[in-house]
Amino acid sequence: MLEAKTAKILSPIAKGNGAYIVHKNIESLLCGYKVEGYSPLLTLFPASLFSIGRKFKASIIHTTPDYACFHKRKGVPLVTTFHNYVLDDYMRPYSSFLQKIHYQTDLKWFTKMSVRFADEITAVSKFTADLSKRELGLRKDIRVIYNGVDEAVFRPIKKNWTKKKKIKVLFSGNLTTRKGAHWLLPILEKLPSNISIMYTSGLRGAGELANHSRFLNVGKVPYAEMPELYRSADMLLSPTVREGLPLAVMEAMACGLPVIATNCSSLPELIEDGEGGFLCGLGDVDDFADKISLLAGDYQLRKEMGEYNREKVEREFTLGRMISEYQQLFAKVLQRG
């Protein structure tokens, strides 16, 4: 494990999302870092968040900016990380009625208060940093620290890259409109009969798509079993609406899969169109189906794109690189006194 000197860093954070996984990965490798996970239902009563982790004598608080203001302590530096940003008008069509109200009232106010209190602000992608800064009118700098994936765990296996009769496309994520789950059936219906889509129910473990012979619901997959799931697929499909920096895409890349994703938000920072996969127009069902069919019919292209993605992860998106950058940031905050 890496050490953060004698620092004790507390990370109070809601469970059931990618941010929680990222912070748990930091905890596993950074000595002195402790995640205090809590049910997202507690955010319905924000005052209850004040008591979380109070027995832990923290040198630094590191959490997300949505509820960071409730975790702020006198004399303890606060570091916030934007893992995504969904409070802008662009996301309104993909939010429920209650979410729209929540995002434009209390949650936006909490977020503004949190970044005002923060000693350091980070974001997991350039897109997220720029959007957050612009939407919130921030004058503070936002440091970009890309998420990292454990390339020793999420790794390819030797495949028989020959022509296959059956092709499996993987969708990994919560079954929400934000993830583009409502486009999966229209995409599937335009694919040849030898192509199926297997899908997870995400970290929330809820929901199911329409009954179709070429849909395979693998349910809520334990995180430790995700590498094997990626390796059982031929490509990853991500018709998402907005991403901070998606772990599913990074993990699939590390496992040597080509990726077909929406050309939006942070996805171009991960996927190089035509090299590691394809970027399609938002909700363009025909484009997604065409690119899936192209990859399904060309095993050599799948192999080359998967290898390209693996090499890119090894260069830019390793877990060790991410931990080192957070370690340097925490050391800087402590030295500042």
Protein backbone atom coordinates (compact mmCIF):
# COMPACT_ATOMS: atom_id res chain seq x y z
CA MET A 1 0.00 0.00 0.00
CA LEU A 2 1.05 3.56 -0.65
CA GLU A 3 1.31 5.89 2.31
CA ALA A 4 -0.05 9.37 2.84
CA LYS A 5 2.51 10.07 5.56
CA THR A 6 0.61 10.15 8.86
CA ALA A 7 -2.53 11.61 7.32
CA LYS A 8 -5.95 10.20 8.07
CA ILE A 9 -8.24 10.86 5.15
CA LEU A 10 -11.96 10.29 5.57
CA SER A 11 -14.21 9.72 2.58
CA PRO A 12 -17.91 9.77 3.51
CA ILE A 13 -19.79 8.79 0.36
CA ALA A 14 -23.08 7.26 -0.74
CA LYS A 15 -23.00 3.66 -1.92
CA GLY A 16 -24.34 2.25 -5.18
CA ASN A 17 -22.48 4.33 -7.74
CA GLY A 18 -19.19 4.54 -9.61
CA ALA A 19 -17.82 7.20 -7.27
CA TYR A 20 -18.08 4.79 -4.37
CA ILE A 21 -16.05 2.18 -6.29
CA VAL A 22 -13.37 4.75 -7.14
CA HIS A 23 -13.04 5.83 -3.51
CA LYS A 24 -12.93 2.20 -2.35
CA ASN A 25 -10.11 1.59 -4.83
CA ILE A 26 -8.23 4.52 -3.31
CA GLU A 27 -8.83 3.07 0.15
CA SER A 28 -7.37 -0.28 -0.91
CA LEU A 29 -4.04 1.25 -1.91
CA LEU A 30 -3.59 4.45 0.08
CA CYS A 31 -2.65 3.92 3.71
CA GLY A 32 -4.66 6.13 6.08
CA TYR A 33 -7.58 6.54 3.66
CA LYS A 34 -10.95 5.39 5.02
CA VAL A 35 -14.26 5.20 3.15
CA GLU A 36 -17.39 5.65 5.25
CA GLY A 37 -20.14 4.43 2.94
CA TYR A 38 -23.78 5.19 3.64
CA SER A 39 -27.16 4.46 2.07
CA PRO A 40 -28.20 7.02 -0.57
CA LEU A 41 -31.57 7.11 1.18
CA LEU A 42 -29.93 9.21 3.90
CA THR A 43 -29.65 12.07 1.42
CA LEU A 44 -33.42 12.42 1.71
CA PHE A 45 -32.67 13.78 5.18
CA PRO A 46 -29.38 15.66 4.64
CA ALA A 47 -29.07 16.67 8.28
CA SER A 48 -28.45 13.00 9.09
CA LEU A 49 -25.18 13.21 7.15
CA PHE A 50 -23.58 15.42 9.80
CA SER A 51 -22.94 12.42 12.07
CA ILE A 52 -21.27 10.15 9.50
CA GLY A 53 -17.65 9.35 10.32
CA ARG A 54 -17.45 11.86 13.18
CA LYS A 55 -15.57 9.39 15.39
CA PHE A 56 -12.79 9.23 12.81
CA LYS A 57 -10.17 11.92 13.52
CA ALA A 58 -9.57 13.04 9.97
CA SER A 59 -6.72 15.16 8.64
CA ILE A 60 -8.59 15.64 5.34
CA ILE A 61 -12.17 15.06 4.19
CA HIS A 62 -12.46 13.78 0.61
CA THR A 63 -15.93 13.36 -0.89
CA THR A 64 -18.23 14.35 -3.72
CA PRO A 65 -19.51 17.95 -3.93
CA ASP A 66 -23.23 17.18 -3.83
CA TYR A 67 -23.30 16.73 -0.05
CA ALA A 68 -19.76 17.72 0.94
CA CYS A 69 -21.02 20.76 2.84
CA PHE A 70 -22.59 18.40 5.40
CA HIS A 71 -19.25 16.67 5.99
CA LYS A 72 -17.20 19.83 6.41
CA ARG A 73 -15.41 20.12 9.76
CA LYS A 74 -13.82 23.15 11.33
CA GLY A 75 -10.06 23.17 10.79
CA VAL A 76 -10.10 20.10 8.51
CA PRO A 77 -9.33 20.66 4.80
CA LEU A 78 -12.05 19.59 2.37
CA VAL A 79 -11.27 18.03 -1.02
CA THR A 80 -14.19 17.46 -3.38
CA THR A 81 -14.25 15.42 -6.58
CA PHE A 82 -16.78 15.84 -9.39
CA HIS A 83 -17.41 12.35 -10.73
CA ASN A 84 -20.13 13.74 -12.99
CA TYR A 85 -22.33 16.80 -13.38
CA VAL A 86 -26.06 16.50 -14.07
CA LEU A 87 -27.53 19.79 -12.81
CA ASP A 88 -27.51 21.58 -16.18
CA ASP A 89 -30.42 22.11 -18.60
CA TYR A 90 -29.06 19.51 -21.04
CA MET A 91 -29.90 16.74 -18.56
CA ARG A 92 -33.47 17.82 -17.87
CA PRO A 93 -35.07 15.60 -20.56
CA TYR A 94 -33.28 12.61 -19.02
CA SER A 95 -34.32 13.35 -15.44
CA SER A 96 -37.52 12.49 -13.62
CA PHE A 97 -39.95 15.18 -12.45
CA LEU A 98 -38.68 14.95 -8.88
CA GLN A 99 -35.06 14.96 -10.02
CA LYS A 100 -35.62 18.15 -12.01
CA ILE A 101 -36.95 19.91 -8.92
CA HIS A 102 -34.23 18.47 -6.66
CA TYR A 103 -31.41 19.40 -9.03
CA GLN A 104 -32.47 22.99 -9.53
CA THR A 105 -33.20 23.72 -5.87
CA ASP A 106 -31.58 22.11 -2.84
CA LEU A 107 -28.96 19.94 -4.60
CA LYS A 108 -27.64 22.84 -6.63
CA TRP A 109 -27.45 24.97 -3.49
CA PHE A 110 -25.66 22.17 -1.59
CA THR A 111 -23.18 21.82 -4.46
CA LYS A 112 -22.47 25.54 -4.58
CA MET A 113 -21.92 25.61 -0.82
CA SER A 114 -19.63 22.58 -1.02
CA VAL A 115 -17.32 24.04 -3.66
CA ARG A 116 -17.23 27.30 -1.71
CA PHE A 117 -16.00 25.39 1.36
CA ALA A 118 -13.58 23.19 -0.61
CA ASP A 119 -9.84 23.69 -0.27
CA GLU A 120 -9.23 21.70 -3.45
CA ILE A 121 -11.60 20.66 -6.24
CA THR A 122 -10.93 17.83 -8.67
CA ALA A 123 -12.84 16.25 -11.54
CA VAL A 124 -12.46 12.89 -13.25
CA SER A 125 -12.35 14.29 -16.79
CA LYS A 126 -11.64 17.50 -18.66
CA PHE A 127 -15.25 17.62 -19.83
CA THR A 128 -16.59 17.37 -16.28
CA ALA A 129 -14.13 19.98 -15.00
CA ASP A 130 -15.02 22.49 -17.71
CA LEU A 131 -18.77 21.93 -17.41
CA SER A 132 -18.81 22.16 -13.60
CA LYS A 133 -16.72 25.31 -13.61
CA ARG A 134 -18.88 26.98 -16.24
CA GLU A 135 -22.26 25.97 -14.79
CA LEU A 136 -21.37 26.93 -11.21
CA GLY A 137 -19.47 30.08 -12.16
CA LEU A 138 -16.38 28.90 -10.31
CA ARG A 139 -13.25 30.99 -10.08
CA LYS A 140 -11.37 28.22 -8.29
CA ASP A 141 -9.26 25.88 -10.37
CA ILE A 142 -10.43 22.32 -10.89
CA ARG A 143 -7.67 19.75 -11.14
CA VAL A 144 -8.32 16.80 -13.46
CA ILE A 145 -7.44 13.41 -12.01
CA TYR A 146 -8.60 10.69 -14.36
CA ASN A 147 -10.11 7.56 -12.88
CA GLY A 148 -7.89 4.52 -12.98
CA VAL A 149 -8.53 0.82 -13.44
CA ASP A 150 -6.58 -2.08 -11.94
CA GLU A 151 -4.99 -3.39 -15.12
CA ALA A 152 -3.70 -6.48 -13.31
CA VAL A 153 -7.27 -7.54 -12.46
CA PHE A 154 -9.06 -6.23 -15.53
CA ARG A 155 -6.93 -7.87 -18.18
CA PRO A 156 -7.52 -9.71 -21.46
CA ILE A 157 -7.34 -13.44 -21.91
CA LYS A 158 -6.10 -15.21 -24.98
CA LYS A 159 -9.03 -15.50 -27.33
CA ASN A 160 -9.55 -17.50 -30.45
CA TRP A 161 -9.97 -14.46 -32.69
CA THR A 162 -11.58 -16.36 -35.54
CA LYS A 163 -14.95 -15.93 -37.15
CA LYS A 164 -17.68 -16.65 -34.60
CA LYS A 165 -21.25 -17.64 -35.29
CA LYS A 166 -22.60 -16.03 -32.13
CA ILE A 167 -21.58 -12.52 -31.01
CA LYS A 168 -22.21 -11.16 -27.52
CA VAL A 169 -22.52 -7.41 -26.97
CA LEU A 170 -22.30 -6.27 -23.33
CA PHE A 171 -24.18 -3.37 -21.75
CA SER A 172 -22.94 -2.68 -18.22
CA GLY A 173 -24.70 -0.10 -16.08
CA ASN A 174 -27.92 0.92 -14.38
CA LEU A 175 -31.00 0.53 -16.58
CA THR A 176 -31.80 4.23 -16.83
CA THR A 177 -32.43 6.71 -19.62
CA ARG A 178 -29.17 8.43 -18.68
CA LYS A 179 -27.34 5.24 -19.58
CA GLY A 180 -29.36 4.93 -22.80
CA ALA A 181 -31.07 1.71 -21.70
CA HIS A 182 -34.26 2.72 -23.56
CA TRP A 183 -32.33 2.48 -26.85
CA LEU A 184 -31.13 -1.09 -26.33
CA LEU A 185 -34.22 -2.79 -27.72
CA PRO A 186 -34.43 -0.60 -30.85
CA ILE A 187 -30.72 -1.27 -31.45
CA LEU A 188 -31.13 -5.01 -30.94
CA GLU A 189 -34.03 -5.19 -33.38
CA LYS A 190 -31.79 -3.81 -36.13
CA LEU A 191 -29.00 -6.34 -35.54
CA PRO A 192 -28.51 -9.66 -37.35
CA SER A 193 -29.96 -12.70 -35.61
CA ASN A 194 -26.54 -14.00 -34.52
CA ILE A 195 -25.93 -10.98 -32.26
CA SER A 196 -27.30 -10.85 -28.71
CA ILE A 197 -27.07 -8.19 -26.00
CA MET A 198 -26.35 -9.26 -22.45
CA TYR A 199 -26.94 -6.61 -19.83
CA THR A 200 -26.41 -6.07 -16.14
CA SER A 201 -28.83 -4.44 -13.75
CA GLY A 202 -26.05 -2.12 -12.62
CA LEU A 203 -24.90 -1.25 -9.12
CA ARG A 204 -28.49 -0.61 -8.10
CA GLY A 205 -29.46 -4.16 -9.09
CA ALA A 206 -32.92 -3.12 -10.26
CA GLY A 207 -34.90 -3.33 -13.47
CA GLU A 208 -35.25 -5.55 -16.49
CA LEU A 209 -35.56 -4.87 -20.19
CA ALA A 210 -38.31 -6.09 -22.48
CA ASN A 211 -38.65 -9.81 -22.99
CA HIS A 212 -36.63 -10.72 -26.08
CA SER A 213 -34.93 -13.95 -27.10
CA ARG A 214 -31.64 -12.14 -27.74
CA PHE A 215 -31.59 -10.18 -24.49
CA LEU A 216 -29.68 -11.87 -21.68
CA ASN A 217 -30.13 -10.37 -18.21
CA VAL A 218 -27.10 -11.29 -16.08
CA GLY A 219 -28.48 -9.29 -13.11
CA LYS A 220 -26.40 -7.55 -10.49
CA VAL A 221 -22.87 -8.88 -10.95
CA PRO A 222 -20.49 -8.71 -7.96
CA TYR A 223 -17.61 -6.37 -8.72
CA ALA A 224 -15.06 -9.18 -8.29
CA GLU A 225 -16.78 -11.08 -11.11
CA MET A 226 -16.86 -8.19 -13.57
CA PRO A 227 -13.50 -9.01 -15.25
CA GLU A 228 -14.80 -12.42 -16.28
CA LEU A 229 -18.02 -10.88 -17.59
CA TYR A 230 -16.08 -8.45 -19.80
CA ARG A 231 -13.90 -11.27 -21.08
CA SER A 232 -16.98 -13.30 -22.04
CA ALA A 233 -18.17 -10.51 -24.35
CA ASP A 234 -17.02 -9.50 -27.83
CA MET A 235 -17.58 -5.75 -27.42
CA LEU A 236 -19.03 -3.16 -25.03
CA LEU A 237 -22.03 -1.01 -25.90
CA SER A 238 -22.56 2.32 -24.12
CA PRO A 239 -25.37 4.45 -25.68
CA THR A 240 -25.16 6.81 -22.72
CA VAL A 241 -26.32 10.41 -22.42
CA ARG A 242 -23.71 11.80 -20.01
CA GLU A 243 -20.64 10.36 -18.28
CA GLY A 244 -18.07 11.80 -15.89
CA LEU A 245 -15.54 9.11 -16.81
CA PRO A 246 -17.23 5.69 -16.96
CA LEU A 247 -15.58 2.81 -15.15
CA ALA A 248 -17.43 0.26 -17.30
CA VAL A 249 -15.81 1.63 -20.45
CA MET A 250 -12.35 1.76 -18.85
CA GLU A 251 -12.66 -1.76 -17.46
CA ALA A 252 -13.82 -3.12 -20.80
CA MET A 253 -10.89 -1.41 -22.51
CA ALA A 254 -8.49 -2.94 -19.99
CA CYS A 255 -9.98 -6.36 -20.77
CA GLY A 256 -9.21 -5.86 -24.45
CA LEU A 257 -12.70 -5.09 -25.76
CA PRO A 258 -13.61 -2.64 -28.50
CA VAL A 259 -16.20 -0.09 -27.37
CA ILE A 260 -19.16 1.44 -29.18
CA ALA A 261 -20.32 4.52 -27.30
CA THR A 262 -22.10 7.84 -27.65
CA ASN A 263 -20.02 10.72 -28.93
CA CYS A 264 -20.73 12.88 -25.89
CA SER A 265 -19.32 14.27 -22.64
CA SER A 266 -16.10 12.52 -21.58
CA LEU A 267 -16.32 9.54 -23.95
CA PRO A 268 -13.95 11.05 -26.57
CA GLU A 269 -11.33 11.33 -23.80
CA LEU A 270 -11.43 7.54 -23.55
CA ILE A 271 -12.44 6.17 -26.94
CA GLU A 272 -10.58 7.15 -30.08
CA ASP A 273 -13.07 6.82 -32.90
CA GLY A 274 -11.93 4.28 -35.46
CA GLU A 275 -9.03 3.13 -33.29
CA GLY A 276 -10.46 1.67 -30.07
CA GLY A 277 -14.05 1.48 -31.23
CA PHE A 278 -16.68 3.83 -32.59
CA LEU A 279 -18.42 6.98 -31.33
CA CYS A 280 -22.03 7.33 -32.46
CA GLY A 281 -24.55 10.14 -32.42
CA LEU A 282 -26.72 10.51 -29.34
CA GLY A 283 -29.69 8.15 -29.69
CA ASP A 284 -28.75 7.29 -33.29
CA VAL A 285 -30.04 3.72 -33.25
CA ASP A 286 -29.09 3.08 -36.88
CA ASP A 287 -25.51 4.26 -36.32
CA PHE A 288 -25.10 2.05 -33.25
CA ALA A 289 -26.55 -0.97 -35.05
CA ASP A 290 -24.33 -0.40 -38.10
CA LYS A 291 -21.16 -0.16 -36.01
CA ILE A 292 -22.04 -3.24 -33.96
CA SER A 293 -22.72 -5.20 -37.15
CA LEU A 294 -19.43 -4.02 -38.65
CA LEU A 295 -17.44 -5.21 -35.63
CA ALA A 296 -19.43 -8.43 -35.38
CA GLY A 297 -18.46 -9.33 -38.92
CA ASP A 298 -14.76 -8.49 -38.63
CA TYR A 299 -12.91 -10.45 -35.94
CA GLN A 300 -9.57 -8.95 -36.94
CA LEU A 301 -10.91 -5.43 -36.37
CA ARG A 302 -12.27 -6.46 -32.96
CA LYS A 303 -8.87 -7.86 -32.06
CA GLU A 304 -6.97 -4.75 -33.20
CA MET A 305 -9.32 -2.32 -31.47
CA GLY A 306 -9.26 -4.34 -28.26
CA GLU A 307 -5.46 -4.37 -28.25
CA TYR A 308 -5.40 -0.62 -28.88
CA ASN A 309 -7.68 -0.03 -25.90
CA ARG A 310 -5.60 -2.24 -23.63
CA GLU A 311 -2.45 -0.32 -24.54
CA LYS A 312 -4.20 3.01 -23.94
CA VAL A 313 -5.27 1.94 -20.45
CA GLU A 314 -1.72 0.87 -19.66
CA ARG A 315 -0.45 4.28 -20.81
CA GLU A 316 -3.03 6.62 -19.32
CA PHE A 317 -5.62 5.05 -17.04
CA THR A 318 -3.94 2.75 -14.54
CA LEU A 319 -5.02 2.58 -10.92
CA GLY A 320 -1.45 3.27 -9.76
CA ARG A 321 -1.33 6.54 -11.70
CA MET A 322 -4.64 7.68 -10.18
CA ILE A 323 -3.54 6.82 -6.63
CA SER A 324 -0.24 8.64 -7.09
CA GLU A 325 -2.00 11.82 -8.24
CA TYR A 326 -4.40 11.79 -5.29
CA GLN A 327 -1.49 11.10 -2.96
CA GLN A 328 0.36 14.15 -4.31
CA LEU A 329 -2.78 16.28 -3.93
CA PHE A 330 -3.36 15.22 -0.32
CA ALA A 331 0.30 15.88 0.51
CA LYS A 332 -0.01 19.37 -0.97
CA VAL A 333 -3.11 20.08 1.11
CA LEU A 334 -1.40 18.92 4.31
CA GLN A 335 1.75 20.93 3.63
CA ARG A 336 -0.36 24.01 3.23
CA GLY A 337 -1.32 23.53 6.88
